[in-house]
N, C-alpha and C. Protein backbone atom coordinates (compact mmCIF):
# COMPACT_ATOMS: atom_id res chain seq x y z
N MET A 1 -5.64 -38.63 -28.88
CA MET A 1 -5.68 -40.06 -29.07
C MET A 1 -4.35 -40.72 -28.65
N ARG A 2 -3.24 -40.07 -29.05
CA ARG A 2 -1.96 -40.66 -28.76
C ARG A 2 -1.73 -40.70 -27.22
N SER A 3 -2.22 -39.68 -26.53
CA SER A 3 -1.97 -39.68 -25.09
C SER A 3 -2.78 -40.80 -24.38
N ARG A 4 -3.96 -41.07 -24.89
CA ARG A 4 -4.73 -42.18 -24.30
C ARG A 4 -4.00 -43.52 -24.50
N ARG A 5 -3.45 -43.70 -25.68
CA ARG A 5 -2.73 -44.93 -25.98
C ARG A 5 -1.51 -44.98 -25.07
N ARG A 6 -0.82 -43.89 -24.87
CA ARG A 6 0.32 -43.94 -23.96
C ARG A 6 -0.08 -44.21 -22.53
N VAL A 7 -1.18 -43.65 -22.08
CA VAL A 7 -1.63 -43.92 -20.73
C VAL A 7 -2.04 -45.43 -20.60
N ALA A 8 -2.70 -45.95 -21.61
CA ALA A 8 -3.10 -47.36 -21.58
C ALA A 8 -1.86 -48.25 -21.64
N ALA A 9 -0.90 -47.94 -22.43
CA ALA A 9 0.31 -48.73 -22.54
C ALA A 9 1.10 -48.66 -21.20
N PHE A 10 1.15 -47.45 -20.62
CA PHE A 10 1.88 -47.30 -19.32
C PHE A 10 1.13 -48.11 -18.24
N GLY A 11 -0.18 -48.10 -18.22
CA GLY A 11 -0.95 -48.89 -17.27
C GLY A 11 -0.77 -50.36 -17.49
N ALA A 12 -0.69 -50.80 -18.75
CA ALA A 12 -0.43 -52.25 -19.04
C ALA A 12 0.94 -52.65 -18.53
N MET A 13 1.92 -51.73 -18.73
CA MET A 13 3.27 -52.07 -18.33
C MET A 13 3.34 -52.13 -16.77
N LEU A 14 2.61 -51.25 -16.08
CA LEU A 14 2.61 -51.28 -14.61
C LEU A 14 2.00 -52.56 -14.10
N VAL A 15 0.88 -52.99 -14.69
CA VAL A 15 0.24 -54.24 -14.32
C VAL A 15 1.15 -55.45 -14.54
N ALA A 16 1.85 -55.45 -15.71
CA ALA A 16 2.76 -56.55 -16.03
C ALA A 16 3.93 -56.56 -15.04
N LEU A 17 4.41 -55.41 -14.70
CA LEU A 17 5.52 -55.31 -13.75
C LEU A 17 5.07 -55.77 -12.38
N TRP A 18 3.86 -55.40 -11.95
CA TRP A 18 3.35 -55.79 -10.68
C TRP A 18 3.18 -57.34 -10.64
N LEU A 19 2.64 -57.89 -11.69
CA LEU A 19 2.48 -59.37 -11.73
C LEU A 19 3.83 -60.05 -11.69
N ALA A 20 4.79 -59.54 -12.42
CA ALA A 20 6.10 -60.19 -12.40
C ALA A 20 6.71 -60.16 -11.04
N VAL A 21 6.64 -59.02 -10.33
CA VAL A 21 7.19 -58.90 -8.98
C VAL A 21 6.40 -59.82 -8.04
N ALA A 22 5.10 -59.85 -8.14
CA ALA A 22 4.30 -60.67 -7.25
C ALA A 22 4.58 -62.17 -7.48
N LEU A 23 4.70 -62.57 -8.68
CA LEU A 23 4.91 -64.00 -8.94
C LEU A 23 6.35 -64.40 -8.63
N ALA A 24 7.32 -63.52 -8.85
CA ALA A 24 8.69 -63.84 -8.58
C ALA A 24 8.98 -63.94 -7.10
N GLY A 25 8.23 -63.13 -6.30
CA GLY A 25 8.45 -63.13 -4.87
C GLY A 25 7.58 -64.09 -4.12
N ALA A 26 6.77 -64.88 -4.80
CA ALA A 26 5.90 -65.80 -4.17
C ALA A 26 6.70 -66.99 -3.59
N PRO A 27 6.53 -67.30 -2.35
CA PRO A 27 7.31 -68.43 -1.77
C PRO A 27 6.61 -69.76 -2.12
N ALA A 28 7.39 -70.80 -2.03
CA ALA A 28 6.85 -72.17 -2.26
C ALA A 28 5.90 -72.48 -1.14
N VAL A 29 4.79 -73.15 -1.49
CA VAL A 29 3.76 -73.47 -0.48
C VAL A 29 3.78 -74.96 -0.32
N PHE A 30 3.85 -75.40 0.95
CA PHE A 30 3.80 -76.84 1.29
C PHE A 30 2.53 -77.13 2.02
N SER A 31 1.91 -78.21 1.66
CA SER A 31 0.68 -78.60 2.29
C SER A 31 0.95 -79.55 3.46
N ALA A 32 -0.03 -79.78 4.29
CA ALA A 32 0.09 -80.71 5.40
C ALA A 32 0.08 -82.14 4.87
N SER A 33 0.60 -83.01 5.66
CA SER A 33 0.61 -84.41 5.29
C SER A 33 -0.81 -84.95 5.43
N PRO A 34 -1.21 -85.84 4.53
CA PRO A 34 -2.55 -86.43 4.63
C PRO A 34 -2.63 -87.52 5.67
N GLU A 35 -1.51 -87.91 6.25
CA GLU A 35 -1.48 -88.95 7.26
C GLU A 35 -1.97 -88.39 8.59
N PRO A 36 -2.70 -89.15 9.39
CA PRO A 36 -3.09 -88.67 10.71
C PRO A 36 -1.87 -88.50 11.61
N THR A 37 -1.96 -87.46 12.46
CA THR A 37 -0.85 -87.18 13.36
C THR A 37 -0.92 -87.82 14.68
N SER A 38 -2.05 -88.23 15.08
CA SER A 38 -2.25 -88.93 16.37
C SER A 38 -3.28 -90.03 16.25
N ALA A 39 -3.30 -90.89 17.18
CA ALA A 39 -4.20 -92.04 17.16
C ALA A 39 -5.45 -91.75 18.03
N THR A 40 -5.75 -90.50 18.32
CA THR A 40 -6.92 -90.15 19.07
C THR A 40 -8.19 -90.49 18.33
N VAL A 41 -9.08 -91.16 18.98
CA VAL A 41 -10.34 -91.52 18.42
C VAL A 41 -11.44 -90.80 19.11
N GLY A 42 -12.44 -90.29 18.43
CA GLY A 42 -13.56 -89.62 19.01
C GLY A 42 -13.35 -88.11 19.04
N ASP A 43 -14.16 -87.49 19.88
CA ASP A 43 -14.15 -86.01 19.97
C ASP A 43 -13.16 -85.61 21.03
N PRO A 44 -12.12 -84.85 20.71
CA PRO A 44 -11.09 -84.52 21.66
C PRO A 44 -11.53 -83.40 22.61
N ARG A 45 -12.71 -82.76 22.36
CA ARG A 45 -13.16 -81.67 23.20
C ARG A 45 -13.79 -82.08 24.46
N SER A 46 -14.20 -83.30 24.58
CA SER A 46 -14.89 -83.75 25.81
C SER A 46 -14.45 -85.17 26.12
N SER A 47 -14.71 -85.66 27.35
CA SER A 47 -14.27 -86.98 27.74
C SER A 47 -15.34 -88.00 27.45
N GLY A 48 -15.36 -88.54 26.24
CA GLY A 48 -16.32 -89.64 25.98
C GLY A 48 -17.69 -89.22 25.62
N GLN A 49 -17.99 -87.96 25.65
CA GLN A 49 -19.36 -87.50 25.37
C GLN A 49 -19.42 -86.98 23.93
N GLY A 50 -20.62 -86.63 23.49
CA GLY A 50 -20.78 -86.02 22.20
C GLY A 50 -20.31 -84.60 22.20
N PRO A 51 -20.42 -83.94 21.07
CA PRO A 51 -19.87 -82.56 20.98
C PRO A 51 -20.55 -81.58 21.97
N GLY A 52 -21.89 -81.70 22.16
CA GLY A 52 -22.54 -80.80 23.09
C GLY A 52 -22.50 -79.34 22.73
N LEU A 53 -22.83 -78.48 23.65
CA LEU A 53 -22.79 -77.05 23.40
C LEU A 53 -21.50 -76.43 23.94
N VAL A 54 -20.97 -75.52 23.26
CA VAL A 54 -19.73 -74.84 23.67
C VAL A 54 -20.14 -73.43 24.08
N GLY A 55 -19.63 -72.99 25.23
CA GLY A 55 -19.95 -71.62 25.68
C GLY A 55 -21.21 -71.64 26.55
N ASP A 56 -21.81 -70.45 26.59
CA ASP A 56 -23.03 -70.25 27.36
C ASP A 56 -24.14 -69.73 26.46
N PRO A 57 -24.99 -70.68 25.93
CA PRO A 57 -26.02 -70.20 25.00
C PRO A 57 -27.09 -69.29 25.63
N GLY A 58 -27.31 -69.40 26.91
CA GLY A 58 -28.26 -68.50 27.60
C GLY A 58 -27.79 -67.08 27.54
N ALA A 59 -26.50 -66.85 27.82
CA ALA A 59 -25.96 -65.50 27.77
C ALA A 59 -26.02 -64.95 26.37
N ALA A 60 -25.74 -65.82 25.38
CA ALA A 60 -25.74 -65.33 23.98
C ALA A 60 -27.18 -64.91 23.58
N ILE A 61 -28.16 -65.73 23.93
CA ILE A 61 -29.53 -65.36 23.59
C ILE A 61 -29.94 -64.09 24.34
N GLY A 62 -29.61 -63.95 25.57
CA GLY A 62 -29.87 -62.74 26.36
C GLY A 62 -29.26 -61.52 25.76
N LEU A 63 -28.02 -61.66 25.30
CA LEU A 63 -27.29 -60.49 24.70
C LEU A 63 -27.95 -60.10 23.40
N VAL A 64 -28.40 -61.05 22.62
CA VAL A 64 -29.10 -60.76 21.36
C VAL A 64 -30.42 -60.00 21.63
N LEU A 65 -31.12 -60.51 22.64
CA LEU A 65 -32.40 -59.83 23.01
C LEU A 65 -32.13 -58.42 23.54
N LEU A 66 -31.12 -58.27 24.32
CA LEU A 66 -30.77 -56.93 24.81
C LEU A 66 -30.40 -55.97 23.76
N VAL A 67 -29.61 -56.41 22.75
CA VAL A 67 -29.28 -55.54 21.65
C VAL A 67 -30.53 -55.15 20.85
N GLY A 68 -31.42 -56.10 20.64
CA GLY A 68 -32.69 -55.83 19.95
C GLY A 68 -33.56 -54.79 20.66
N VAL A 69 -33.72 -54.98 21.95
CA VAL A 69 -34.53 -54.04 22.76
C VAL A 69 -33.87 -52.65 22.75
N ALA A 70 -32.52 -52.64 22.91
CA ALA A 70 -31.84 -51.36 22.95
C ALA A 70 -31.97 -50.62 21.60
N SER A 71 -31.89 -51.35 20.50
CA SER A 71 -32.01 -50.70 19.20
C SER A 71 -33.44 -50.14 19.00
N VAL A 72 -34.45 -50.84 19.41
CA VAL A 72 -35.79 -50.36 19.31
C VAL A 72 -35.97 -49.10 20.19
N ALA A 73 -35.42 -49.13 21.41
CA ALA A 73 -35.53 -47.97 22.31
C ALA A 73 -34.79 -46.76 21.78
N ILE A 74 -33.64 -46.97 21.23
CA ILE A 74 -32.87 -45.81 20.64
C ILE A 74 -33.54 -45.29 19.42
N THR A 75 -34.06 -46.15 18.56
CA THR A 75 -34.79 -45.67 17.40
C THR A 75 -36.05 -44.87 17.80
N ALA A 76 -36.81 -45.39 18.79
CA ALA A 76 -38.03 -44.66 19.21
C ALA A 76 -37.65 -43.33 19.83
N ALA A 77 -36.61 -43.29 20.63
CA ALA A 77 -36.16 -41.97 21.23
C ALA A 77 -35.73 -41.03 20.15
N TYR A 78 -35.00 -41.50 19.14
CA TYR A 78 -34.55 -40.62 18.03
C TYR A 78 -35.76 -40.04 17.29
N LEU A 79 -36.75 -40.92 16.98
CA LEU A 79 -37.88 -40.45 16.28
C LEU A 79 -38.73 -39.49 17.14
N ARG A 80 -38.79 -39.74 18.41
CA ARG A 80 -39.57 -38.86 19.34
C ARG A 80 -38.93 -37.48 19.47
N PHE A 81 -37.62 -37.42 19.61
CA PHE A 81 -36.99 -36.13 19.84
C PHE A 81 -36.60 -35.39 18.54
N THR A 82 -36.72 -35.99 17.39
CA THR A 82 -36.43 -35.32 16.14
C THR A 82 -37.67 -35.08 15.30
N ALA A 83 -38.80 -35.29 15.85
CA ALA A 83 -40.08 -35.09 15.13
C ALA A 83 -40.27 -33.58 14.85
N PRO A 84 -40.82 -33.25 13.71
CA PRO A 84 -41.11 -31.82 13.46
C PRO A 84 -42.11 -31.26 14.42
N LYS A 85 -41.92 -30.02 14.82
CA LYS A 85 -42.73 -29.37 15.82
C LYS A 85 -43.99 -28.67 15.23
N GLY A 86 -44.03 -28.51 13.94
CA GLY A 86 -45.15 -27.79 13.33
C GLY A 86 -46.16 -28.77 12.70
N PRO A 87 -47.17 -28.22 12.03
CA PRO A 87 -48.14 -29.09 11.34
C PRO A 87 -47.44 -29.91 10.24
N ALA A 88 -47.96 -31.07 9.97
CA ALA A 88 -47.38 -31.94 9.01
C ALA A 88 -47.58 -31.41 7.62
N ASP A 89 -46.55 -31.50 6.78
CA ASP A 89 -46.67 -31.04 5.37
C ASP A 89 -47.48 -32.08 4.62
N SER A 90 -48.52 -31.59 3.90
CA SER A 90 -49.33 -32.48 3.14
C SER A 90 -49.20 -32.28 1.67
């Protein structure tokens, strides 16, 4: 019983020491100013248009479909080549 208390006390001391070191070494944190930094109005990503699409959505959709077809093909091949060769266990 005494050894468990010692282990628990030692663990509590380690946690307290870790917290003291972590809090003592924490730097001061400064936030950004709430004032706007520029007078830009509107969406800065495009010239006078709405946000629109960024990137190539057709390529993204094609890549997702390719990954889906490849996963089905790999799963089917795995099941085909690892099937038991004898009669099924019933």
